[in-house]
mmCIF file of all heavy atoms, coordinates in Angstrom:
data_MODEL
# 
_entry.id   MODEL 
# 
loop_
_atom_site.group_PDB 
_atom_site.id 
_atom_site.type_symbol 
_atom_site.label_atom_id 
_atom_site.label_alt_id 
_atom_site.label_comp_id 
_atom_site.label_asym_id 
_atom_site.label_entity_id 
_atom_site.label_seq_id 
_atom_site.pdbx_PDB_ins_code 
_atom_site.Cartn_x 
_atom_site.Cartn_y 
_atom_site.Cartn_z 
_atom_site.occupancy 
_atom_site.B_iso_or_equiv 
_atom_site.pdbx_formal_charge 
_atom_site.auth_seq_id 
_atom_site.auth_comp_id 
_atom_site.auth_asym_id 
_atom_site.auth_atom_id 
_atom_site.pdbx_PDB_model_num 
ATOM 1   N N   . ASP A 1 1  ? 134.957 79.075 93.996  1.00 0.00 ? 1  ASP A N   1 
ATOM 2   C CA  . ASP A 1 1  ? 133.806 79.677 93.331  1.00 0.00 ? 1  ASP A CA  1 
ATOM 3   C C   . ASP A 1 1  ? 134.167 81.061 92.784  1.00 0.00 ? 1  ASP A C   1 
ATOM 4   O O   . ASP A 1 1  ? 135.276 81.566 93.002  1.00 0.00 ? 1  ASP A O   1 
ATOM 5   C CB  . ASP A 1 1  ? 132.591 79.687 94.262  1.00 0.00 ? 1  ASP A CB  1 
ATOM 6   C CG  . ASP A 1 1  ? 132.685 80.674 95.419  1.00 0.00 ? 1  ASP A CG  1 
ATOM 7   O OD1 . ASP A 1 1  ? 133.581 81.546 95.410  1.00 0.00 ? 1  ASP A OD1 1 
ATOM 8   O OD2 . ASP A 1 1  ? 131.835 80.583 96.334  1.00 0.00 ? 1  ASP A OD2 1 
ATOM 9   N N   . PRO A 1 2  ? 133.254 81.709 92.050  1.00 0.00 ? 2  PRO A N   1 
ATOM 10  C CA  . PRO A 1 2  ? 133.577 82.995 91.434  1.00 0.00 ? 2  PRO A CA  1 
ATOM 11  C C   . PRO A 1 2  ? 133.893 84.111 92.430  1.00 0.00 ? 2  PRO A C   1 
ATOM 12  O O   . PRO A 1 2  ? 134.487 85.122 92.036  1.00 0.00 ? 2  PRO A O   1 
ATOM 13  C CB  . PRO A 1 2  ? 132.305 83.325 90.633  1.00 0.00 ? 2  PRO A CB  1 
ATOM 14  C CG  . PRO A 1 2  ? 131.688 82.001 90.343  1.00 0.00 ? 2  PRO A CG  1 
ATOM 15  C CD  . PRO A 1 2  ? 131.954 81.178 91.565  1.00 0.00 ? 2  PRO A CD  1 
ATOM 16  N N   . ALA A 1 3  ? 133.526 83.947 93.705  1.00 0.00 ? 3  ALA A N   1 
ATOM 17  C CA  . ALA A 1 3  ? 133.823 84.956 94.723  1.00 0.00 ? 3  ALA A CA  1 
ATOM 18  C C   . ALA A 1 3  ? 135.089 84.628 95.514  1.00 0.00 ? 3  ALA A C   1 
ATOM 19  O O   . ALA A 1 3  ? 135.392 85.299 96.504  1.00 0.00 ? 3  ALA A O   1 
ATOM 20  C CB  . ALA A 1 3  ? 132.629 85.113 95.668  1.00 0.00 ? 3  ALA A CB  1 
ATOM 21  N N   . GLY A 1 4  ? 135.828 83.595 95.103  1.00 0.00 ? 4  GLY A N   1 
ATOM 22  C CA  . GLY A 1 4  ? 137.087 83.266 95.762  1.00 0.00 ? 4  GLY A CA  1 
ATOM 23  C C   . GLY A 1 4  ? 136.957 82.404 96.993  1.00 0.00 ? 4  GLY A C   1 
ATOM 24  O O   . GLY A 1 4  ? 137.892 82.302 97.783  1.00 0.00 ? 4  GLY A O   1 
ATOM 25  N N   . ARG A 1 5  ? 135.818 81.741 97.166  1.00 0.00 ? 5  ARG A N   1 
ATOM 26  C CA  . ARG A 1 5  ? 135.643 80.781 98.260  1.00 0.00 ? 5  ARG A CA  1 
ATOM 27  C C   . ARG A 1 5  ? 136.092 79.401 97.768  1.00 0.00 ? 5  ARG A C   1 
ATOM 28  O O   . ARG A 1 5  ? 135.818 79.023 96.639  1.00 0.00 ? 5  ARG A O   1 
ATOM 29  C CB  . ARG A 1 5  ? 134.189 80.721 98.702  1.00 0.00 ? 5  ARG A CB  1 
ATOM 30  C CG  . ARG A 1 5  ? 133.540 82.074 99.009  1.00 0.00 ? 5  ARG A CG  1 
ATOM 31  C CD  . ARG A 1 5  ? 132.045 81.875 99.313  1.00 0.00 ? 5  ARG A CD  1 
ATOM 32  N NE  . ARG A 1 5  ? 131.325 83.123 99.499  1.00 0.00 ? 5  ARG A NE  1 
ATOM 33  C CZ  . ARG A 1 5  ? 130.607 83.737 98.555  1.00 0.00 ? 5  ARG A CZ  1 
ATOM 34  N NH1 . ARG A 1 5  ? 130.523 83.200 97.335  1.00 0.00 ? 5  ARG A NH1 1 
ATOM 35  N NH2 . ARG A 1 5  ? 129.978 84.863 98.812  1.00 0.00 ? 5  ARG A NH2 1 
ATOM 36  N N   . PHE A 1 6  ? 136.743 78.632 98.628  1.00 0.00 ? 6  PHE A N   1 
ATOM 37  C CA  . PHE A 1 6  ? 137.252 77.310 98.265  1.00 0.00 ? 6  PHE A CA  1 
ATOM 38  C C   . PHE A 1 6  ? 136.304 76.266 98.836  1.00 0.00 ? 6  PHE A C   1 
ATOM 39  O O   . PHE A 1 6  ? 136.073 76.212 100.052 1.00 0.00 ? 6  PHE A O   1 
ATOM 40  C CB  . PHE A 1 6  ? 138.655 77.138 98.833  1.00 0.00 ? 6  PHE A CB  1 
ATOM 41  C CG  . PHE A 1 6  ? 139.379 75.885 98.382  1.00 0.00 ? 6  PHE A CG  1 
ATOM 42  C CD1 . PHE A 1 6  ? 139.146 75.315 97.153  1.00 0.00 ? 6  PHE A CD1 1 
ATOM 43  C CD2 . PHE A 1 6  ? 140.338 75.310 99.206  1.00 0.00 ? 6  PHE A CD2 1 
ATOM 44  C CE1 . PHE A 1 6  ? 139.830 74.180 96.737  1.00 0.00 ? 6  PHE A CE1 1 
ATOM 45  C CE2 . PHE A 1 6  ? 141.034 74.177 98.806  1.00 0.00 ? 6  PHE A CE2 1 
ATOM 46  C CZ  . PHE A 1 6  ? 140.782 73.617 97.573  1.00 0.00 ? 6  PHE A CZ  1 
ATOM 47  N N   . TRP A 1 7  ? 135.738 75.442 97.967  1.00 0.00 ? 7  TRP A N   1 
ATOM 48  C CA  . TRP A 1 7  ? 134.809 74.381 98.348  1.00 0.00 ? 7  TRP A CA  1 
ATOM 49  C C   . TRP A 1 7  ? 135.513 73.038 98.208  1.00 0.00 ? 7  TRP A C   1 
ATOM 50  O O   . TRP A 1 7  ? 136.170 72.767 97.207  1.00 0.00 ? 7  TRP A O   1 
ATOM 51  C CB  . TRP A 1 7  ? 133.592 74.385 97.444  1.00 0.00 ? 7  TRP A CB  1 
ATOM 52  C CG  . TRP A 1 7  ? 132.740 75.620 97.464  1.00 0.00 ? 7  TRP A CG  1 
ATOM 53  C CD1 . TRP A 1 7  ? 133.130 76.895 97.117  1.00 0.00 ? 7  TRP A CD1 1 
ATOM 54  C CD2 . TRP A 1 7  ? 131.369 75.702 97.802  1.00 0.00 ? 7  TRP A CD2 1 
ATOM 55  N NE1 . TRP A 1 7  ? 132.078 77.757 97.234  1.00 0.00 ? 7  TRP A NE1 1 
ATOM 56  C CE2 . TRP A 1 7  ? 130.980 77.053 97.648  1.00 0.00 ? 7  TRP A CE2 1 
ATOM 57  C CE3 . TRP A 1 7  ? 130.422 74.766 98.213  1.00 0.00 ? 7  TRP A CE3 1 
ATOM 58  C CZ2 . TRP A 1 7  ? 129.668 77.489 97.894  1.00 0.00 ? 7  TRP A CZ2 1 
ATOM 59  C CZ3 . TRP A 1 7  ? 129.116 75.197 98.452  1.00 0.00 ? 7  TRP A CZ3 1 
ATOM 60  C CH2 . TRP A 1 7  ? 128.756 76.542 98.300  1.00 0.00 ? 7  TRP A CH2 1 
ATOM 61  N N   . ALA A 1 8  ? 135.341 72.167 99.206  1.00 0.00 ? 8  ALA A N   1 
ATOM 62  C CA  . ALA A 1 8  ? 135.876 70.806 99.129  1.00 0.00 ? 8  ALA A CA  1 
ATOM 63  C C   . ALA A 1 8  ? 135.056 69.911 100.044 1.00 0.00 ? 8  ALA A C   1 
ATOM 64  O O   . ALA A 1 8  ? 134.560 70.360 101.086 1.00 0.00 ? 8  ALA A O   1 
ATOM 65  C CB  . ALA A 1 8  ? 137.349 70.764 99.518  1.00 0.00 ? 8  ALA A CB  1 
ATOM 66  N N   . GLY A 1 9  ? 134.936 68.668 99.651  1.00 0.00 ? 9  GLY A N   1 
ATOM 67  C CA  . GLY A 1 9  ? 134.140 67.729 100.426 1.00 0.00 ? 9  GLY A CA  1 
ATOM 68  C C   . GLY A 1 9  ? 134.985 66.648 101.063 1.00 0.00 ? 9  GLY A C   1 
ATOM 69  O O   . GLY A 1 9  ? 136.158 66.473 100.737 1.00 0.00 ? 9  GLY A O   1 
ATOM 70  N N   . THR A 1 10 ? 134.370 65.918 101.973 1.00 0.00 ? 10 THR A N   1 
ATOM 71  C CA  . THR A 1 10 ? 135.045 64.827 102.655 1.00 0.00 ? 10 THR A CA  1 
ATOM 72  C C   . THR A 1 10 ? 134.460 63.486 102.262 1.00 0.00 ? 10 THR A C   1 
ATOM 73  O O   . THR A 1 10 ? 133.369 63.396 101.693 1.00 0.00 ? 10 THR A O   1 
ATOM 74  C CB  . THR A 1 10 ? 134.967 64.991 104.187 1.00 0.00 ? 10 THR A CB  1 
ATOM 75  O OG1 . THR A 1 10 ? 133.585 65.065 104.577 1.00 0.00 ? 10 THR A OG1 1 
ATOM 76  C CG2 . THR A 1 10 ? 135.685 66.247 104.644 1.00 0.00 ? 10 THR A CG2 1 
ATOM 77  N N   . MET A 1 11 ? 135.213 62.441 102.589 1.00 0.00 ? 11 MET A N   1 
ATOM 78  C CA  . MET A 1 11 ? 134.778 61.066 102.342 1.00 0.00 ? 11 MET A CA  1 
ATOM 79  C C   . MET A 1 11 ? 135.476 60.170 103.342 1.00 0.00 ? 11 MET A C   1 
ATOM 80  O O   . MET A 1 11 ? 136.507 60.527 103.916 1.00 0.00 ? 11 MET A O   1 
ATOM 81  C CB  . MET A 1 11 ? 135.123 60.629 100.918 1.00 0.00 ? 11 MET A CB  1 
ATOM 82  C CG  . MET A 1 11 ? 136.600 60.679 100.601 1.00 0.00 ? 11 MET A CG  1 
ATOM 83  S SD  . MET A 1 11 ? 137.027 60.011 98.979  1.00 0.00 ? 11 MET A SD  1 
ATOM 84  C CE  . MET A 1 11 ? 136.902 58.242 99.292  1.00 0.00 ? 11 MET A CE  1 
ATOM 85  N N   . ALA A 1 12 ? 134.907 58.994 103.567 1.00 0.00 ? 12 ALA A N   1 
ATOM 86  C CA  . ALA A 1 12 ? 135.530 58.022 104.464 1.00 0.00 ? 12 ALA A CA  1 
ATOM 87  C C   . ALA A 1 12 ? 136.691 57.341 103.746 1.00 0.00 ? 12 ALA A C   1 
ATOM 88  O O   . ALA A 1 12 ? 136.620 57.042 102.552 1.00 0.00 ? 12 ALA A O   1 
ATOM 89  C CB  . ALA A 1 12 ? 134.512 56.989 104.908 1.00 0.00 ? 12 ALA A CB  1 
ATOM 90  N N   . LEU A 1 13 ? 137.762 57.087 104.491 1.00 0.00 ? 13 LEU A N   1 
ATOM 91  C CA  . LEU A 1 13 ? 138.904 56.381 103.917 1.00 0.00 ? 13 LEU A CA  1 
ATOM 92  C C   . LEU A 1 13 ? 138.505 55.000 103.401 1.00 0.00 ? 13 LEU A C   1 
ATOM 93  O O   . LEU A 1 13 ? 139.056 54.508 102.417 1.00 0.00 ? 13 LEU A O   1 
ATOM 94  C CB  . LEU A 1 13 ? 140.020 56.253 104.956 1.00 0.00 ? 13 LEU A CB  1 
ATOM 95  C CG  . LEU A 1 13 ? 140.744 57.555 105.298 1.00 0.00 ? 13 LEU A CG  1 
ATOM 96  C CD1 . LEU A 1 13 ? 141.590 57.372 106.553 1.00 0.00 ? 13 LEU A CD1 1 
ATOM 97  C CD2 . LEU A 1 13 ? 141.612 58.015 104.133 1.00 0.00 ? 13 LEU A CD2 1 
ATOM 98  N N   . ASP A 1 14 ? 137.525 54.368 104.068 1.00 0.00 ? 14 ASP A N   1 
ATOM 99  C CA  . ASP A 1 14 ? 137.046 53.061 103.609 1.00 0.00 ? 14 ASP A CA  1 
ATOM 100 C C   . ASP A 1 14 ? 135.880 53.186 102.629 1.00 0.00 ? 14 ASP A C   1 
ATOM 101 O O   . ASP A 1 14 ? 135.257 52.183 102.275 1.00 0.00 ? 14 ASP A O   1 
ATOM 102 C CB  . ASP A 1 14 ? 136.666 52.181 104.800 1.00 0.00 ? 14 ASP A CB  1 
ATOM 103 C CG  . ASP A 1 14 ? 135.502 52.743 105.619 1.00 0.00 ? 14 ASP A CG  1 
ATOM 104 O OD1 . ASP A 1 14 ? 134.926 53.791 105.233 1.00 0.00 ? 14 ASP A OD1 1 
ATOM 105 O OD2 . ASP A 1 14 ? 135.150 52.131 106.656 1.00 0.00 ? 14 ASP A OD2 1 
ATOM 106 N N   . GLU A 1 15 ? 135.573 54.435 102.206 1.00 0.00 ? 15 GLU A N   1 
ATOM 107 C CA  . GLU A 1 15 ? 134.528 54.742 101.228 1.00 0.00 ? 15 GLU A CA  1 
ATOM 108 C C   . GLU A 1 15 ? 133.132 54.357 101.705 1.00 0.00 ? 15 GLU A C   1 
ATOM 109 O O   . GLU A 1 15 ? 132.221 54.127 100.897 1.00 0.00 ? 15 GLU A O   1 
ATOM 110 C CB  . GLU A 1 15 ? 134.853 54.123 99.864  1.00 0.00 ? 15 GLU A CB  1 
ATOM 111 C CG  . GLU A 1 15 ? 136.174 54.614 99.305  1.00 0.00 ? 15 GLU A CG  1 
ATOM 112 C CD  . GLU A 1 15 ? 136.507 54.096 97.924  1.00 0.00 ? 15 GLU A CD  1 
ATOM 113 O OE1 . GLU A 1 15 ? 135.654 53.409 97.318  1.00 0.00 ? 15 GLU A OE1 1 
ATOM 114 O OE2 . GLU A 1 15 ? 137.628 54.362 97.456  1.00 0.00 ? 15 GLU A OE2 1 
ATOM 115 N N   . LYS A 1 16 ? 132.938 54.323 103.020 1.00 0.00 ? 16 LYS A N   1 
ATOM 116 C CA  . LYS A 1 16 ? 131.610 54.066 103.577 1.00 0.00 ? 16 LYS A CA  1 
ATOM 117 C C   . LYS A 1 16 ? 130.633 55.135 103.102 1.00 0.00 ? 16 LYS A C   1 
ATOM 118 O O   . LYS A 1 16 ? 130.957 56.318 103.033 1.00 0.00 ? 16 LYS A O   1 
ATOM 119 C CB  . LYS A 1 16 ? 131.695 54.060 105.106 1.00 0.00 ? 16 LYS A CB  1 
ATOM 120 C CG  . LYS A 1 16 ? 130.376 53.822 105.836 1.00 0.00 ? 16 LYS A CG  1 
ATOM 121 C CD  . LYS A 1 16 ? 130.599 53.764 107.340 1.00 0.00 ? 16 LYS A CD  1 
ATOM 122 C CE  . LYS A 1 16 ? 131.115 55.077 107.883 1.00 0.00 ? 16 LYS A CE  1 
ATOM 123 N NZ  . LYS A 1 16 ? 131.261 55.057 109.364 1.00 0.00 ? 16 LYS A NZ  1 
ATOM 124 N N   . GLY A 1 17 ? 129.405 54.734 102.798 1.00 0.00 ? 17 GLY A N   1 
ATOM 125 C CA  . GLY A 1 17 ? 128.425 55.648 102.253 1.00 0.00 ? 17 GLY A CA  1 
ATOM 126 C C   . GLY A 1 17 ? 127.949 56.698 103.246 1.00 0.00 ? 17 GLY A C   1 
ATOM 127 O O   . GLY A 1 17 ? 127.853 56.443 104.450 1.00 0.00 ? 17 GLY A O   1 
ATOM 128 N N   . ALA A 1 18 ? 127.649 57.883 102.713 1.00 0.00 ? 18 ALA A N   1 
ATOM 129 C CA  . ALA A 1 18 ? 127.025 58.979 103.460 1.00 0.00 ? 18 ALA A CA  1 
ATOM 130 C C   . ALA A 1 18 ? 127.819 59.423 104.680 1.00 0.00 ? 18 ALA A C   1 
ATOM 131 O O   . ALA A 1 18 ? 127.271 59.976 105.630 1.00 0.00 ? 18 ALA A O   1 
ATOM 132 C CB  . ALA A 1 18 ? 125.595 58.607 103.867 1.00 0.00 ? 18 ALA A CB  1 
ATOM 133 N N   . ALA A 1 19 ? 129.150 59.231 104.646 1.00 0.00 ? 19 ALA A N   1 
ATOM 134 C CA  . ALA A 1 19 ? 129.989 59.593 105.792 1.00 0.00 ? 19 ALA A CA  1 
ATOM 135 C C   . ALA A 1 19 ? 130.621 60.974 105.654 1.00 0.00 ? 19 ALA A C   1 
ATOM 136 O O   . ALA A 1 19 ? 131.235 61.469 106.600 1.00 0.00 ? 19 ALA A O   1 
ATOM 137 C CB  . ALA A 1 19 ? 131.087 58.558 105.979 1.00 0.00 ? 19 ALA A CB  1 
ATOM 138 N N   . GLY A 1 20 ? 130.470 61.590 104.477 1.00 0.00 ? 20 GLY A N   1 
ATOM 139 C CA  . GLY A 1 20 ? 131.141 62.853 104.218 1.00 0.00 ? 20 GLY A CA  1 
ATOM 140 C C   . GLY A 1 20 ? 130.202 64.036 104.131 1.00 0.00 ? 20 GLY A C   1 
ATOM 141 O O   . GLY A 1 20 ? 128.977 63.902 104.204 1.00 0.00 ? 20 GLY A O   1 
ATOM 142 N N   . SER A 1 21 ? 130.810 65.202 103.966 1.00 0.00 ? 21 SER A N   1 
ATOM 143 C CA  . SER A 1 21 ? 130.066 66.454 103.840 1.00 0.00 ? 21 SER A CA  1 
ATOM 144 C C   . SER A 1 21 ? 130.796 67.367 102.862 1.00 0.00 ? 21 SER A C   1 
ATOM 145 O O   . SER A 1 21 ? 131.950 67.124 102.490 1.00 0.00 ? 21 SER A O   1 
ATOM 146 C CB  . SER A 1 21 ? 129.936 67.156 105.200 1.00 0.00 ? 21 SER A CB  1 
ATOM 147 O OG  . SER A 1 21 ? 129.208 66.367 106.124 1.00 0.00 ? 21 SER A OG  1 
ATOM 148 N N   . LEU A 1 22 ? 130.115 68.429 102.459 1.00 0.00 ? 22 LEU A N   1 
ATOM 149 C CA  . LEU A 1 22 ? 130.693 69.441 101.587 1.00 0.00 ? 22 LEU A CA  1 
ATOM 150 C C   . LEU A 1 22 ? 130.885 70.723 102.388 1.00 0.00 ? 22 LEU A C   1 
ATOM 151 O O   . LEU A 1 22 ? 129.959 71.176 103.066 1.00 0.00 ? 22 LEU A O   1 
ATOM 152 C CB  . LEU A 1 22 ? 129.772 69.694 100.393 1.00 0.00 ? 22 LEU A CB  1 
ATOM 153 C CG  . LEU A 1 22 ? 130.218 70.782 99.405  1.00 0.00 ? 22 LEU A CG  1 
ATOM 154 C CD1 . LEU A 1 22 ? 131.528 70.395 98.725  1.00 0.00 ? 22 LEU A CD1 1 
ATOM 155 C CD2 . LEU A 1 22 ? 129.126 71.029 98.363  1.00 0.00 ? 22 LEU A CD2 1 
ATOM 156 N N   . TYR A 1 23 ? 132.094 71.293 102.310 1.00 0.00 ? 23 TYR A N   1 
ATOM 157 C CA  . TYR A 1 23 ? 132.442 72.480 103.096 1.00 0.00 ? 23 TYR A CA  1 
ATOM 158 C C   . TYR A 1 23 ? 132.851 73.633 102.185 1.00 0.00 ? 23 TYR A C   1 
ATOM 159 O O   . TYR A 1 23 ? 133.337 73.431 101.066 1.00 0.00 ? 23 TYR A O   1 
ATOM 160 C CB  . TYR A 1 23 ? 133.596 72.154 104.050 1.00 0.00 ? 23 TYR A CB  1 
ATOM 161 C CG  . TYR A 1 23 ? 133.225 71.148 105.108 1.00 0.00 ? 23 TYR A CG  1 
ATOM 162 C CD1 . TYR A 1 23 ? 133.418 69.782 104.887 1.00 0.00 ? 23 TYR A CD1 1 
ATOM 163 C CD2 . TYR A 1 23 ? 132.653 71.553 106.312 1.00 0.00 ? 23 TYR A CD2 1 
ATOM 164 C CE1 . TYR A 1 23 ? 133.060 68.849 105.852 1.00 0.00 ? 23 TYR A CE1 1 
ATOM 165 C CE2 . TYR A 1 23 ? 132.290 70.623 107.274 1.00 0.00 ? 23 TYR A CE2 1 
ATOM 166 C CZ  . TYR A 1 23 ? 132.498 69.274 107.044 1.00 0.00 ? 23 TYR A CZ  1 
ATOM 167 O OH  . TYR A 1 23 ? 132.131 68.348 107.992 1.00 0.00 ? 23 TYR A OH  1 
ATOM 168 N N   . ARG A 1 24 ? 132.694 74.840 102.746 1.00 0.00 ? 24 ARG A N   1 
ATOM 169 C CA  . ARG A 1 24 ? 133.079 76.060 102.043 1.00 0.00 ? 24 ARG A CA  1 
ATOM 170 C C   . ARG A 1 24 ? 134.015 76.873 102.931 1.00 0.00 ? 24 ARG A C   1 
ATOM 171 O O   . ARG A 1 24 ? 133.653 77.212 104.066 1.00 0.00 ? 24 ARG A O   1 
ATOM 172 C CB  . ARG A 1 24 ? 131.840 76.885 101.699 1.00 0.00 ? 24 ARG A CB  1 
ATOM 173 C CG  . ARG A 1 24 ? 132.077 78.078 100.781 1.00 0.00 ? 24 ARG A CG  1 
ATOM 174 C CD  . ARG A 1 24 ? 130.847 78.977 100.734 1.00 0.00 ? 24 ARG A CD  1 
ATOM 175 N NE  . ARG A 1 24 ? 130.741 79.781 101.945 1.00 0.00 ? 24 ARG A NE  1 
ATOM 176 C CZ  . ARG A 1 24 ? 129.586 80.250 102.434 1.00 0.00 ? 24 ARG A CZ  1 
ATOM 177 N NH1 . ARG A 1 24 ? 128.439 79.963 101.847 1.00 0.00 ? 24 ARG A NH1 1 
ATOM 178 N NH2 . ARG A 1 24 ? 129.590 80.985 103.532 1.00 0.00 ? 24 ARG A NH2 1 
ATOM 179 N N   . LEU A 1 25 ? 135.203 77.178 102.406 1.00 0.00 ? 25 LEU A N   1 
ATOM 180 C CA  . LEU A 1 25 ? 136.161 78.034 103.101 1.00 0.00 ? 25 LEU A CA  1 
ATOM 181 C C   . LEU A 1 25 ? 136.081 79.429 102.510 1.00 0.00 ? 25 LEU A C   1 
ATOM 182 O O   . LEU A 1 25 ? 136.397 79.642 101.339 1.00 0.00 ? 25 LEU A O   1 
ATOM 183 C CB  . LEU A 1 25 ? 137.581 77.480 102.941 1.00 0.00 ? 25 LEU A CB  1 
ATOM 184 C CG  . LEU A 1 25 ? 138.717 78.364 103.472 1.00 0.00 ? 25 LEU A CG  1 
ATOM 185 C CD1 . LEU A 1 25 ? 138.702 78.444 104.997 1.00 0.00 ? 25 LEU A CD1 1 
ATOM 186 C CD2 . LEU A 1 25 ? 140.074 77.861 102.966 1.00 0.00 ? 25 LEU A CD2 1 
ATOM 187 N N   . ASP A 1 26 ? 135.657 80.400 103.310 1.00 0.00 ? 26 ASP A N   1 
ATOM 188 C CA  . ASP A 1 26 ? 135.558 81.779 102.846 1.00 0.00 ? 26 ASP A CA  1 
ATOM 189 C C   . ASP A 1 26 ? 136.933 82.452 102.885 1.00 0.00 ? 26 ASP A C   1 
ATOM 190 O O   . ASP A 1 26 ? 137.845 81.999 103.592 1.00 0.00 ? 26 ASP A O   1 
ATOM 191 C CB  . ASP A 1 26 ? 134.563 82.554 103.712 1.00 0.00 ? 26 ASP A CB  1 
ATOM 192 C CG  . ASP A 1 26 ? 133.117 82.132 103.464 1.00 0.00 ? 26 ASP A CG  1 
ATOM 193 O OD1 . ASP A 1 26 ? 132.894 81.223 102.640 1.00 0.00 ? 26 ASP A OD1 1 
ATOM 194 O OD2 . ASP A 1 26 ? 132.216 82.718 104.098 1.00 0.00 ? 26 ASP A OD2 1 
ATOM 195 N N   . PRO A 1 27 ? 137.119 83.549 102.160 1.00 0.00 ? 27 PRO A N   1 
ATOM 196 C CA  . PRO A 1 27 ? 138.419 84.227 102.157 1.00 0.00 ? 27 PRO A CA  1 
ATOM 197 C C   . PRO A 1 27 ? 138.891 84.698 103.528 1.00 0.00 ? 27 PRO A C   1 
ATOM 198 O O   . PRO A 1 27 ? 140.095 84.886 103.732 1.00 0.00 ? 27 PRO A O   1 
ATOM 199 C CB  . PRO A 1 27 ? 138.176 85.408 101.213 1.00 0.00 ? 27 PRO A CB  1 
ATOM 200 C CG  . PRO A 1 27 ? 137.138 84.920 100.257 1.00 0.00 ? 27 PRO A CG  1 
ATOM 201 C CD  . PRO A 1 27 ? 136.221 84.094 101.121 1.00 0.00 ? 27 PRO A CD  1 
ATOM 202 N N   . ASP A 1 28 ? 137.962 84.869 104.482 1.00 0.00 ? 28 ASP A N   1 
ATOM 203 C CA  . ASP A 1 28 ? 138.365 85.288 105.832 1.00 0.00 ? 28 ASP A CA  1 
ATOM 204 C C   . ASP A 1 28 ? 138.718 84.109 106.734 1.00 0.00 ? 28 ASP A C   1 
ATOM 205 O O   . ASP A 1 28 ? 139.009 84.292 107.919 1.00 0.00 ? 28 ASP A O   1 
ATOM 206 C CB  . ASP A 1 28 ? 137.274 86.141 106.481 1.00 0.00 ? 28 ASP A CB  1 
ATOM 207 C CG  . ASP A 1 28 ? 135.961 85.392 106.682 1.00 0.00 ? 28 ASP A CG  1 
ATOM 208 O OD1 . ASP A 1 28 ? 135.911 84.169 106.409 1.00 0.00 ? 28 ASP A OD1 1 
ATOM 209 O OD2 . ASP A 1 28 ? 134.976 86.021 107.112 1.00 0.00 ? 28 ASP A OD2 1 
ATOM 210 N N   . GLY A 1 29 ? 138.708 82.884 106.183 1.00 0.00 ? 29 GLY A N   1 
ATOM 211 C CA  . GLY A 1 29 ? 139.092 81.707 106.942 1.00 0.00 ? 29 GLY A CA  1 
ATOM 212 C C   . GLY A 1 29 ? 137.962 80.981 107.635 1.00 0.00 ? 29 GLY A C   1 
ATOM 213 O O   . GLY A 1 29 ? 138.177 79.937 108.247 1.00 0.00 ? 29 GLY A O   1 
ATOM 214 N N   . ARG A 1 30 ? 136.746 81.505 107.515 1.00 0.00 ? 30 ARG A N   1 
ATOM 215 C CA  . ARG A 1 30 ? 135.605 80.820 108.131 1.00 0.00 ? 30 ARG A CA  1 
ATOM 216 C C   . ARG A 1 30 ? 135.187 79.619 107.278 1.00 0.00 ? 30 ARG A C   1 
ATOM 217 O O   . ARG A 1 30 ? 135.225 79.672 106.055 1.00 0.00 ? 30 ARG A O   1 
ATOM 218 C CB  . ARG A 1 30 ? 134.418 81.779 108.291 1.00 0.00 ? 30 ARG A CB  1 
ATOM 219 C CG  . ARG A 1 30 ? 134.603 82.821 109.379 1.00 0.00 ? 30 ARG A CG  1 
ATOM 220 C CD  . ARG A 1 30 ? 133.365 83.681 109.513 1.00 0.00 ? 30 ARG A CD  1 
ATOM 221 N NE  . ARG A 1 30 ? 133.100 84.416 108.276 1.00 0.00 ? 30 ARG A NE  1 
ATOM 222 C CZ  . ARG A 1 30 ? 132.002 85.159 108.080 1.00 0.00 ? 30 ARG A CZ  1 
ATOM 223 N NH1 . ARG A 1 30 ? 131.068 85.242 109.005 1.00 0.00 ? 30 ARG A NH1 1 
ATOM 224 N NH2 . ARG A 1 30 ? 131.838 85.811 106.943 1.00 0.00 ? 30 ARG A NH2 1 
# 
């Protein structure tokens, strides 16, 4: 994002529905 946070989401290897989430990694590692 514009503040340098890295966003990435997850998914099931078998592509099962609603198994993933969206995460945000802040510059301090949180």
